[in-house]
Amino acid sequence: MTSIQDTWFPELTCFGCGPANADGLQLKSHAAGEFGATATFLPWPQHDNGLGYLNGGIIATLLDCHSAAAVVHVAHGHDWPPLPGAALPYVTAGLDVRYRRPAPLTEPVSLVADVTAASEDEMTCEVTLEWDGKVRAQGTALWKRWRPRRPSR
């Protein structure tokens, strides 16, 4: 099954989810119903927080980028494609992350995202990183419609 990233933004160079960034995390999310997405991610040894667990910054990036996939999935399902001049239909306006317990560095983790509010102007997405049946981190992401502006003269 082709990922949301490979379907809707294959040329994106985002560090977390850009298929065109060979040095990035290469996150691959898949649609789960009309308003959700799931993914599995295997951390790299370089993602160590110095104590043998997954680094919090990498976790935040995964939550942000996985919520992006869910938002893009919902946007295209509602026929809200990117506006002229925009690479994506929405951009992150805020991300509130809560770390609940350590996440492993050597095991695959699961990501689950659900868009809980959607309009053409903005979306809210609840996203979790889970391992061994427990939430390791969770976030609420606010996404705003990307409306490119003309350069000022």
N, C-alpha and C. Protein backbone atom coordinates (compact mmCIF):
# COMPACT_ATOMS: atom_id res chain seq x y z
N MET A 1 0.85 -1.18 0.00
CA MET A 1 0.00 0.00 0.00
C MET A 1 0.90 1.24 0.00
N THR A 2 0.61 2.18 -0.86
CA THR A 2 1.39 3.41 -0.97
C THR A 2 1.06 4.33 0.21
N SER A 3 2.09 4.94 0.78
CA SER A 3 1.89 5.82 1.93
C SER A 3 1.23 7.13 1.52
N ILE A 4 0.68 7.82 2.52
CA ILE A 4 0.11 9.15 2.29
C ILE A 4 1.19 10.09 1.75
N GLN A 5 2.38 10.00 2.33
CA GLN A 5 3.48 10.87 1.90
C GLN A 5 3.83 10.64 0.43
N ASP A 6 3.97 9.37 0.04
CA ASP A 6 4.33 9.06 -1.34
C ASP A 6 3.21 9.39 -2.32
N THR A 7 1.97 9.37 -1.85
CA THR A 7 0.83 9.69 -2.71
C THR A 7 0.69 11.19 -2.93
N TRP A 8 0.73 11.98 -1.85
CA TRP A 8 0.35 13.39 -1.94
C TRP A 8 1.51 14.39 -1.96
N PHE A 9 2.70 14.00 -1.48
CA PHE A 9 3.81 14.96 -1.53
C PHE A 9 5.16 14.26 -1.71
N PRO A 10 5.30 13.52 -2.82
CA PRO A 10 6.52 12.72 -3.04
C PRO A 10 7.79 13.55 -3.22
N GLU A 11 7.69 14.83 -3.56
CA GLU A 11 8.87 15.68 -3.77
C GLU A 11 9.25 16.47 -2.53
N LEU A 12 8.52 16.32 -1.43
CA LEU A 12 8.78 17.10 -0.22
C LEU A 12 10.09 16.65 0.43
N THR A 13 10.87 17.61 0.92
CA THR A 13 12.16 17.31 1.55
C THR A 13 12.13 17.47 3.06
N CYS A 14 10.96 17.45 3.67
CA CYS A 14 10.84 17.55 5.13
C CYS A 14 11.71 16.48 5.81
N PHE A 15 12.40 16.86 6.88
CA PHE A 15 13.25 15.91 7.59
C PHE A 15 12.45 14.72 8.12
N GLY A 16 11.26 14.94 8.62
CA GLY A 16 10.49 13.86 9.23
C GLY A 16 9.74 12.98 8.25
N CYS A 17 9.08 13.62 7.28
CA CYS A 17 8.18 12.84 6.44
C CYS A 17 8.40 13.02 4.94
N GLY A 18 9.42 13.74 4.58
CA GLY A 18 9.64 14.00 3.16
C GLY A 18 10.25 12.82 2.42
N PRO A 19 9.52 12.25 1.48
CA PRO A 19 10.06 11.14 0.70
C PRO A 19 11.32 11.53 -0.07
N ALA A 20 11.48 12.82 -0.38
CA ALA A 20 12.63 13.27 -1.18
C ALA A 20 13.84 13.63 -0.31
N ASN A 21 13.79 13.36 0.99
CA ASN A 21 14.94 13.63 1.86
C ASN A 21 15.57 12.30 2.26
N ALA A 22 16.62 11.92 1.55
CA ALA A 22 17.27 10.62 1.80
C ALA A 22 17.87 10.53 3.20
N ASP A 23 18.20 11.66 3.81
CA ASP A 23 18.78 11.67 5.15
C ASP A 23 17.73 11.85 6.25
N GLY A 24 16.47 11.99 5.87
CA GLY A 24 15.40 12.21 6.83
C GLY A 24 14.86 10.92 7.43
N LEU A 25 13.84 11.05 8.26
CA LEU A 25 13.26 9.90 8.96
C LEU A 25 12.47 8.97 8.05
N GLN A 26 12.01 9.48 6.91
CA GLN A 26 11.28 8.67 5.93
C GLN A 26 10.02 8.04 6.52
N LEU A 27 9.31 8.77 7.36
CA LEU A 27 8.07 8.28 7.96
C LEU A 27 7.06 7.95 6.86
N LYS A 28 6.41 6.81 6.98
CA LYS A 28 5.40 6.36 6.01
C LYS A 28 4.10 6.10 6.76
N SER A 29 3.12 6.95 6.54
CA SER A 29 1.82 6.86 7.20
C SER A 29 0.79 6.32 6.23
N HIS A 30 -0.20 5.61 6.77
CA HIS A 30 -1.25 5.01 5.95
C HIS A 30 -2.62 5.40 6.50
N ALA A 31 -3.54 5.63 5.59
CA ALA A 31 -4.89 6.02 5.97
C ALA A 31 -5.53 4.96 6.85
N ALA A 32 -6.27 5.44 7.85
CA ALA A 32 -7.04 4.56 8.73
C ALA A 32 -8.43 5.19 8.87
N GLY A 33 -9.32 4.80 8.00
CA GLY A 33 -10.64 5.39 8.00
C GLY A 33 -10.61 6.77 7.36
N GLU A 34 -11.71 7.50 7.54
CA GLU A 34 -11.86 8.81 6.91
C GLU A 34 -11.02 9.90 7.57
N PHE A 35 -10.77 9.76 8.88
CA PHE A 35 -10.12 10.84 9.63
C PHE A 35 -8.84 10.43 10.32
N GLY A 36 -8.26 9.29 9.99
CA GLY A 36 -7.10 8.85 10.73
C GLY A 36 -5.96 8.34 9.89
N ALA A 37 -4.85 8.06 10.59
CA ALA A 37 -3.67 7.50 9.95
C ALA A 37 -2.89 6.68 10.97
N THR A 38 -2.18 5.68 10.49
CA THR A 38 -1.32 4.87 11.34
C THR A 38 0.05 4.75 10.68
N ALA A 39 1.05 4.47 11.50
CA ALA A 39 2.40 4.27 10.98
C ALA A 39 3.20 3.46 12.00
N THR A 40 4.25 2.85 11.51
CA THR A 40 5.23 2.18 12.36
C THR A 40 6.58 2.80 12.04
N PHE A 41 7.36 3.07 13.07
CA PHE A 41 8.67 3.68 12.87
C PHE A 41 9.70 2.95 13.71
N LEU A 42 10.82 2.57 13.08
CA LEU A 42 11.93 1.93 13.78
C LEU A 42 13.02 2.98 14.01
N PRO A 43 13.25 3.38 15.26
CA PRO A 43 14.30 4.39 15.53
C PRO A 43 15.68 3.90 15.11
N TRP A 44 16.56 4.84 14.86
CA TRP A 44 17.94 4.56 14.51
C TRP A 44 18.80 4.76 15.75
N PRO A 45 19.95 4.16 15.82
CA PRO A 45 20.84 4.38 16.96
C PRO A 45 21.16 5.87 17.18
N GLN A 46 21.18 6.65 16.10
CA GLN A 46 21.46 8.09 16.20
C GLN A 46 20.35 8.86 16.91
N HIS A 47 19.21 8.26 17.14
CA HIS A 47 18.07 8.92 17.79
C HIS A 47 18.11 8.77 19.31
N ASP A 48 19.23 8.35 19.84
CA ASP A 48 19.43 8.13 21.28
C ASP A 48 19.35 9.45 22.05
N ASN A 49 18.65 9.43 23.17
CA ASN A 49 18.57 10.61 24.03
C ASN A 49 19.75 10.70 24.99
N GLY A 50 20.73 9.82 24.85
CA GLY A 50 21.88 9.80 25.74
C GLY A 50 21.71 8.83 26.90
N LEU A 51 20.49 8.29 27.05
CA LEU A 51 20.19 7.35 28.13
C LEU A 51 19.68 6.02 27.59
N GLY A 52 19.75 5.85 26.26
CA GLY A 52 19.31 4.60 25.66
C GLY A 52 17.85 4.56 25.24
N TYR A 53 17.19 5.71 25.23
CA TYR A 53 15.79 5.79 24.81
C TYR A 53 15.67 6.73 23.60
N LEU A 54 14.50 6.74 22.99
CA LEU A 54 14.23 7.60 21.84
C LEU A 54 14.21 9.06 22.28
N ASN A 55 14.95 9.90 21.57
CA ASN A 55 15.08 11.32 21.85
C ASN A 55 13.74 12.04 21.74
N GLY A 56 13.48 12.96 22.67
CA GLY A 56 12.22 13.70 22.68
C GLY A 56 12.00 14.57 21.46
N GLY A 57 13.07 15.12 20.90
CA GLY A 57 12.92 15.93 19.69
C GLY A 57 12.50 15.09 18.50
N ILE A 58 13.03 13.88 18.42
CA ILE A 58 12.61 12.96 17.35
C ILE A 58 11.15 12.58 17.56
N ILE A 59 10.77 12.33 18.80
CA ILE A 59 9.36 12.00 19.10
C ILE A 59 8.46 13.15 18.65
N ALA A 60 8.80 14.38 18.99
CA ALA A 60 7.98 15.53 18.60
C ALA A 60 7.89 15.64 17.07
N THR A 61 9.00 15.39 16.39
CA THR A 61 9.00 15.42 14.93
C THR A 61 8.07 14.36 14.37
N LEU A 62 8.13 13.15 14.93
CA LEU A 62 7.25 12.08 14.47
C LEU A 62 5.78 12.44 14.69
N LEU A 63 5.46 13.00 15.85
CA LEU A 63 4.08 13.39 16.12
C LEU A 63 3.61 14.47 15.15
N ASP A 64 4.45 15.46 14.91
CA ASP A 64 4.12 16.54 13.98
C ASP A 64 3.90 15.98 12.57
N CYS A 65 4.87 15.22 12.10
CA CYS A 65 4.81 14.72 10.72
C CYS A 65 3.71 13.68 10.51
N HIS A 66 3.45 12.87 11.52
CA HIS A 66 2.37 11.89 11.37
C HIS A 66 1.01 12.59 11.39
N SER A 67 0.87 13.61 12.22
CA SER A 67 -0.39 14.36 12.20
C SER A 67 -0.56 15.05 10.84
N ALA A 68 0.56 15.49 10.24
CA ALA A 68 0.49 16.09 8.90
C ALA A 68 -0.12 15.12 7.89
N ALA A 69 0.29 13.87 7.98
CA ALA A 69 -0.24 12.87 7.05
C ALA A 69 -1.75 12.72 7.22
N ALA A 70 -2.21 12.66 8.47
CA ALA A 70 -3.65 12.54 8.71
C ALA A 70 -4.39 13.76 8.17
N VAL A 71 -3.83 14.94 8.39
CA VAL A 71 -4.46 16.18 7.93
C VAL A 71 -4.51 16.22 6.40
N VAL A 72 -3.44 15.84 5.74
CA VAL A 72 -3.42 15.82 4.27
C VAL A 72 -4.43 14.79 3.75
N HIS A 73 -4.51 13.65 4.42
CA HIS A 73 -5.50 12.62 4.03
C HIS A 73 -6.92 13.19 4.12
N VAL A 74 -7.23 13.86 5.22
CA VAL A 74 -8.56 14.44 5.39
C VAL A 74 -8.79 15.57 4.39
N ALA A 75 -7.77 16.40 4.18
CA ALA A 75 -7.91 17.52 3.24
C ALA A 75 -8.26 17.03 1.84
N HIS A 76 -7.54 16.03 1.37
CA HIS A 76 -7.83 15.53 0.03
C HIS A 76 -9.18 14.81 -0.01
N GLY A 77 -9.58 14.18 1.09
CA GLY A 77 -10.89 13.55 1.15
C GLY A 77 -12.03 14.54 1.07
N HIS A 78 -11.77 15.79 1.50
CA HIS A 78 -12.78 16.85 1.44
C HIS A 78 -12.60 17.77 0.23
N ASP A 79 -11.68 17.41 -0.65
CA ASP A 79 -11.36 18.23 -1.83
C ASP A 79 -10.85 19.62 -1.43
N TRP A 80 -9.92 19.63 -0.46
CA TRP A 80 -9.22 20.84 -0.03
C TRP A 80 -7.74 20.68 -0.37
N PRO A 81 -7.39 20.66 -1.65
CA PRO A 81 -5.98 20.47 -2.03
C PRO A 81 -5.16 21.71 -1.70
N PRO A 82 -3.84 21.64 -1.89
CA PRO A 82 -3.03 22.84 -1.68
C PRO A 82 -3.51 23.98 -2.57
N LEU A 83 -3.45 25.19 -2.03
CA LEU A 83 -3.79 26.37 -2.81
C LEU A 83 -2.62 26.68 -3.76
N PRO A 84 -2.85 27.44 -4.80
CA PRO A 84 -1.76 27.78 -5.73
C PRO A 84 -0.56 28.37 -4.97
N GLY A 85 0.62 27.80 -5.25
CA GLY A 85 1.85 28.26 -4.62
C GLY A 85 2.18 27.57 -3.31
N ALA A 86 1.30 26.71 -2.81
CA ALA A 86 1.53 25.99 -1.55
C ALA A 86 1.91 24.54 -1.86
N ALA A 87 2.89 24.03 -1.12
CA ALA A 87 3.30 22.64 -1.30
C ALA A 87 2.34 21.67 -0.61
N LEU A 88 1.69 22.12 0.46
CA LEU A 88 0.75 21.31 1.23
C LEU A 88 -0.51 22.12 1.49
N PRO A 89 -1.63 21.47 1.77
CA PRO A 89 -2.85 22.23 2.03
C PRO A 89 -2.84 22.97 3.38
N TYR A 90 -2.10 22.44 4.36
CA TYR A 90 -2.08 23.01 5.71
C TYR A 90 -0.65 23.02 6.23
N VAL A 91 -0.38 23.90 7.21
CA VAL A 91 0.92 23.94 7.88
C VAL A 91 0.69 23.91 9.39
N THR A 92 1.67 23.41 10.12
CA THR A 92 1.57 23.34 11.57
C THR A 92 1.47 24.74 12.17
N ALA A 93 0.46 24.98 12.97
CA ALA A 93 0.31 26.25 13.68
C ALA A 93 0.64 26.08 15.16
N GLY A 94 0.62 24.85 15.64
CA GLY A 94 0.94 24.58 17.03
C GLY A 94 1.00 23.09 17.29
N LEU A 95 1.85 22.72 18.25
CA LEU A 95 1.96 21.31 18.63
C LEU A 95 2.22 21.26 20.13
N ASP A 96 1.28 20.67 20.85
CA ASP A 96 1.41 20.50 22.30
C ASP A 96 1.74 19.03 22.54
N VAL A 97 2.96 18.77 23.04
CA VAL A 97 3.44 17.40 23.24
C VAL A 97 3.52 17.09 24.72
N ARG A 98 3.08 15.90 25.08
CA ARG A 98 3.20 15.39 26.45
C ARG A 98 3.93 14.06 26.39
N TYR A 99 5.03 13.98 27.14
CA TYR A 99 5.81 12.74 27.21
C TYR A 99 5.31 11.96 28.42
N ARG A 100 4.85 10.73 28.21
CA ARG A 100 4.24 9.93 29.28
C ARG A 100 5.20 8.92 29.91
N ARG A 101 6.03 8.29 29.09
CA ARG A 101 7.00 7.30 29.58
C ARG A 101 8.05 7.13 28.49
N PRO A 102 9.21 6.58 28.82
CA PRO A 102 10.26 6.42 27.80
C PRO A 102 9.82 5.55 26.64
N ALA A 103 10.33 5.88 25.46
CA ALA A 103 10.08 5.09 24.26
C ALA A 103 11.37 4.37 23.89
N PRO A 104 11.28 3.14 23.44
CA PRO A 104 12.49 2.36 23.15
C PRO A 104 13.26 2.90 21.96
N LEU A 105 14.54 2.65 21.98
CA LEU A 105 15.41 3.04 20.88
C LEU A 105 15.63 1.91 19.88
N THR A 106 15.35 0.69 20.30
CA THR A 106 15.68 -0.47 19.46
C THR A 106 14.47 -1.27 18.98
N GLU A 107 13.28 -0.79 19.25
CA GLU A 107 12.06 -1.49 18.86
C GLU A 107 11.18 -0.57 18.01
N PRO A 108 10.39 -1.13 17.09
CA PRO A 108 9.46 -0.30 16.33
C PRO A 108 8.39 0.30 17.24
N VAL A 109 8.06 1.56 17.01
CA VAL A 109 6.98 2.23 17.74
C VAL A 109 5.83 2.47 16.77
N SER A 110 4.63 2.58 17.32
CA SER A 110 3.44 2.82 16.51
C SER A 110 2.98 4.25 16.67
N LEU A 111 2.47 4.81 15.61
CA LEU A 111 1.90 6.15 15.62
C LEU A 111 0.45 6.06 15.19
N VAL A 112 -0.42 6.77 15.92
CA VAL A 112 -1.84 6.80 15.61
C VAL A 112 -2.27 8.26 15.61
N ALA A 113 -2.95 8.68 14.55
CA ALA A 113 -3.44 10.06 14.45
C ALA A 113 -4.92 10.05 14.09
N ASP A 114 -5.65 10.96 14.72
CA ASP A 114 -7.07 11.14 14.43
C ASP A 114 -7.37 12.63 14.34
N VAL A 115 -7.90 13.06 13.21
CA VAL A 115 -8.33 14.44 13.05
C VAL A 115 -9.67 14.56 13.78
N THR A 116 -9.70 15.43 14.79
CA THR A 116 -10.88 15.57 15.64
C THR A 116 -11.75 16.76 15.27
N ALA A 117 -11.21 17.69 14.50
CA ALA A 117 -11.97 18.84 14.01
C ALA A 117 -11.38 19.23 12.66
N ALA A 118 -12.26 19.42 11.68
CA ALA A 118 -11.78 19.72 10.33
C ALA A 118 -12.67 20.77 9.67
N SER A 119 -12.04 21.81 9.19
CA SER A 119 -12.70 22.80 8.35
C SER A 119 -11.69 23.21 7.29
N GLU A 120 -12.14 23.94 6.31
CA GLU A 120 -11.21 24.36 5.27
C GLU A 120 -10.17 25.33 5.80
N ASP A 121 -10.46 26.01 6.91
CA ASP A 121 -9.51 26.96 7.49
C ASP A 121 -8.50 26.33 8.44
N GLU A 122 -8.92 25.32 9.22
CA GLU A 122 -7.99 24.71 10.17
C GLU A 122 -8.45 23.32 10.56
N MET A 123 -7.49 22.55 11.07
CA MET A 123 -7.78 21.20 11.57
C MET A 123 -7.04 20.99 12.89
N THR A 124 -7.62 20.13 13.71
CA THR A 124 -6.99 19.69 14.95
C THR A 124 -6.82 18.19 14.88
N CYS A 125 -5.64 17.73 15.30
CA CYS A 125 -5.33 16.31 15.21
C CYS A 125 -4.75 15.83 16.55
N GLU A 126 -5.28 14.73 17.06
CA GLU A 126 -4.74 14.06 18.24
C GLU A 126 -3.84 12.95 17.74
N VAL A 127 -2.62 12.88 18.28
CA VAL A 127 -1.64 11.92 17.77
C VAL A 127 -0.88 11.30 18.94
N THR A 128 -0.62 9.99 18.85
CA THR A 128 0.11 9.30 19.91
C THR A 128 1.25 8.47 19.33
N LEU A 129 2.27 8.29 20.16
CA LEU A 129 3.36 7.36 19.88
C LEU A 129 3.23 6.28 20.95
N GLU A 130 3.13 5.02 20.51
CA GLU A 130 2.86 3.91 21.42
C GLU A 130 3.89 2.80 21.25
N TRP A 131 4.11 2.07 22.32
CA TRP A 131 4.94 0.87 22.28
C TRP A 131 4.50 -0.04 23.41
N ASP A 132 4.48 -1.33 23.16
CA ASP A 132 4.13 -2.33 24.16
C ASP A 132 2.76 -2.06 24.78
N GLY A 133 1.83 -1.60 23.94
CA GLY A 133 0.46 -1.37 24.40
C GLY A 133 0.27 -0.14 25.27
N LYS A 134 1.28 0.73 25.37
CA LYS A 134 1.18 1.92 26.21
C LYS A 134 1.55 3.16 25.43
N VAL A 135 0.84 4.25 25.75
CA VAL A 135 1.16 5.54 25.15
C VAL A 135 2.46 6.04 25.76
N ARG A 136 3.41 6.36 24.89
CA ARG A 136 4.72 6.88 25.33
C ARG A 136 4.76 8.40 25.22
N ALA A 137 4.05 8.94 24.24
CA ALA A 137 3.93 10.38 24.06
C ALA A 137 2.64 10.66 23.31
N GLN A 138 2.09 11.83 23.56
CA GLN A 138 0.88 12.21 22.85
C GLN A 138 0.93 13.70 22.55
N GLY A 139 0.21 14.07 21.53
CA GLY A 139 0.21 15.47 21.15
C GLY A 139 -1.11 15.90 20.55
N THR A 140 -1.32 17.20 20.60
CA THR A 140 -2.42 17.83 19.91
C THR A 140 -1.80 18.82 18.94
N ALA A 141 -2.10 18.64 17.67
CA ALA A 141 -1.54 19.48 16.62
C ALA A 141 -2.64 20.35 16.02
N LEU A 142 -2.34 21.63 15.89
CA LEU A 142 -3.24 22.58 15.23
C LEU A 142 -2.65 22.90 13.87
N TRP A 143 -3.47 22.74 12.85
CA TRP A 143 -3.04 22.97 11.48
C TRP A 143 -3.89 24.07 10.86
N LYS A 144 -3.23 25.03 10.20
CA LYS A 144 -3.93 26.14 9.53
C LYS A 144 -3.75 26.01 8.02
N ARG A 145 -4.75 26.48 7.30
CA ARG A 145 -4.71 26.46 5.84
C ARG A 145 -3.51 27.29 5.38
N TRP A 146 -2.70 26.73 4.51
CA TRP A 146 -1.53 27.42 3.97
C TRP A 146 -2.00 28.31 2.84
N ARG A 147 -1.92 29.62 3.08
CA ARG A 147 -2.31 30.61 2.10
C ARG A 147 -1.07 31.42 1.72
N PRO A 148 -0.38 30.99 0.66
CA PRO A 148 0.86 31.70 0.27
C PRO A 148 0.59 33.18 0.01
N ARG A 149 1.53 33.98 0.42
CA ARG A 149 1.43 35.41 0.23
C ARG A 149 2.41 35.83 -0.86
N ARG A 150 2.03 36.88 -1.55
CA ARG A 150 2.95 37.41 -2.54
C ARG A 150 4.10 38.11 -1.85
N PRO A 151 5.29 38.00 -2.38
CA PRO A 151 6.42 38.69 -1.77
C PRO A 151 6.19 40.20 -1.76
N SER A 152 6.57 40.83 -0.66
CA SER A 152 6.41 42.29 -0.59
C SER A 152 7.52 42.94 -1.42
N ARG A 153 7.21 44.06 -1.97
CA ARG A 153 8.19 44.74 -2.84
C ARG A 153 8.89 45.82 -2.10
